[in-house]
Amino acid sequence: METLIIKKYGNRRLYDTERSVYVTLDDIAQAVRQGREIQVLDATSKEDVTAYILTQVLLEASRRKNV
């Protein structure tokens, strides 16, 4: 299975290049749970921001458990 490439735009939108749709942090979390490898790239600078986005995914999950 190929790595899923997500583009992160300046307006905080995340774009799934495989399905050509905008996605949420929940969508990314679901893909990770399904065993997909994820790479998130800043759309402008092409910088790898995967760790930053996955940290956001974890924080969101943690918040939900504490609500």
C-alpha atoms as a PDB file:
ATOM      1  CA  MET A   1       0.000   0.000   0.000  1.00  0.00           C
ATOM      2  CA  GLU A   2       1.402   3.382  -0.965  1.00  0.00           C
ATOM      3  CA  THR A   3       1.925   6.250   1.433  1.00  0.00           C
ATOM      4  CA  LEU A   4      -1.070   8.566   1.619  1.00  0.00           C
ATOM      5  CA  ILE A   5       0.053  12.104   0.776  1.00  0.00           C
ATOM      6  CA  ILE A   6      -1.872  14.925   2.440  1.00  0.00           C
ATOM      7  CA  LYS A   7      -1.268  18.561   1.527  1.00  0.00           C
ATOM      8  CA  LYS A   8      -1.657  21.136   4.291  1.00  0.00           C
ATOM      9  CA  TYR A   9      -2.738  24.556   3.101  1.00  0.00           C
ATOM     10  CA  GLY A  10      -2.241  27.863   4.924  1.00  0.00           C
ATOM     11  CA  ASN A  11      -5.898  28.068   5.871  1.00  0.00           C
ATOM     12  CA  ARG A  12      -5.425  24.853   7.927  1.00  0.00           C
ATOM     13  CA  ARG A  13      -7.229  22.756   5.315  1.00  0.00           C
ATOM     14  CA  LEU A  14      -5.913  19.278   4.633  1.00  0.00           C
ATOM     15  CA  TYR A  15      -6.189  17.817   1.136  1.00  0.00           C
ATOM     16  CA  ASP A  16      -6.068  14.078   0.381  1.00  0.00           C
ATOM     17  CA  THR A  17      -4.202  13.817  -2.923  1.00  0.00           C
ATOM     18  CA  GLU A  18      -5.299  10.209  -3.448  1.00  0.00           C
ATOM     19  CA  ARG A  19      -9.051  10.852  -3.312  1.00  0.00           C
ATOM     20  CA  SER A  20      -8.904  14.550  -4.320  1.00  0.00           C
ATOM     21  CA  VAL A  21     -10.970  15.701  -1.345  1.00  0.00           C
ATOM     22  CA  TYR A  22     -10.442  17.852   1.726  1.00  0.00           C
ATOM     23  CA  VAL A  23     -10.151  15.806   4.927  1.00  0.00           C
ATOM     24  CA  THR A  24     -10.304  16.366   8.673  1.00  0.00           C
ATOM     25  CA  LEU A  25      -8.023  15.264  11.477  1.00  0.00           C
ATOM     26  CA  ASP A  26     -10.571  12.497  12.141  1.00  0.00           C
ATOM     27  CA  ASP A  27     -10.155  11.238   8.571  1.00  0.00           C
ATOM     28  CA  ILE A  28      -6.396  11.130   9.042  1.00  0.00           C
ATOM     29  CA  ALA A  29      -6.771   9.281  12.354  1.00  0.00           C
ATOM     30  CA  GLN A  30      -9.027   6.731  10.645  1.00  0.00           C
ATOM     31  CA  ALA A  31      -6.465   6.155   7.878  1.00  0.00           C
ATOM     32  CA  VAL A  32      -3.737   5.573  10.483  1.00  0.00           C
ATOM     33  CA  ARG A  33      -5.989   3.096  12.332  1.00  0.00           C
ATOM     34  CA  GLN A  34      -6.451   1.251   9.031  1.00  0.00           C
ATOM     35  CA  GLY A  35      -2.693   0.846   8.799  1.00  0.00           C
ATOM     36  CA  ARG A  36      -2.000   3.515   6.174  1.00  0.00           C
ATOM     37  CA  GLU A  37       1.298   5.359   6.165  1.00  0.00           C
ATOM     38  CA  ILE A  38       0.690   9.088   6.112  1.00  0.00           C
ATOM     39  CA  GLN A  39       2.879  11.936   4.930  1.00  0.00           C
ATOM     40  CA  VAL A  40       1.692  15.513   5.322  1.00  0.00           C
ATOM     41  CA  LEU A  41       3.388  18.177   3.231  1.00  0.00           C
ATOM     42  CA  ASP A  42       2.987  21.924   3.447  1.00  0.00           C
ATOM     43  CA  ALA A  43       1.448  22.869   0.100  1.00  0.00           C
ATOM     44  CA  THR A  44       3.590  25.985  -0.303  1.00  0.00           C
ATOM     45  CA  SER A  45       7.015  25.064   1.085  1.00  0.00           C
ATOM     46  CA  LYS A  46       6.785  21.270   0.544  1.00  0.00           C
ATOM     47  CA  GLU A  47       8.074  20.904   4.133  1.00  0.00           C
ATOM     48  CA  ASP A  48       7.182  17.615   5.845  1.00  0.00           C
ATOM     49  CA  VAL A  49       4.746  18.503   8.663  1.00  0.00           C
ATOM     50  CA  THR A  50       3.592  14.954   9.393  1.00  0.00           C
ATOM     51  CA  ALA A  51       4.728  14.957  13.037  1.00  0.00           C
ATOM     52  CA  TYR A  52       2.894  18.227  13.692  1.00  0.00           C
ATOM     53  CA  ILE A  53      -0.380  16.945  12.204  1.00  0.00           C
ATOM     54  CA  LEU A  54      -0.182  13.562  13.945  1.00  0.00           C
ATOM     55  CA  THR A  55       0.398  15.393  17.239  1.00  0.00           C
ATOM     56  CA  GLN A  56      -2.798  17.354  16.570  1.00  0.00           C
ATOM     57  CA  VAL A  57      -4.622  14.061  15.912  1.00  0.00           C
ATOM     58  CA  LEU A  58      -3.445  12.700  19.281  1.00  0.00           C
ATOM     59  CA  LEU A  59      -4.413  15.868  21.137  1.00  0.00           C
ATOM     60  CA  GLU A  60      -7.905  15.796  19.621  1.00  0.00           C
ATOM     61  CA  ALA A  61      -8.344  12.155  20.624  1.00  0.00           C
ATOM     62  CA  SER A  62      -7.146  12.937  24.140  1.00  0.00           C
ATOM     63  CA  ARG A  63      -9.581  15.863  24.477  1.00  0.00           C
ATOM     64  CA  ARG A  64     -12.500  13.677  23.443  1.00  0.00           C
ATOM     65  CA  LYS A  65     -11.655  11.058  26.066  1.00  0.00           C
ATOM     66  CA  ASN A  66     -11.568  13.731  28.793  1.00  0.00           C
ATOM     67  CA  VAL A  67     -14.913  15.300  27.898  1.00  0.00           C
END
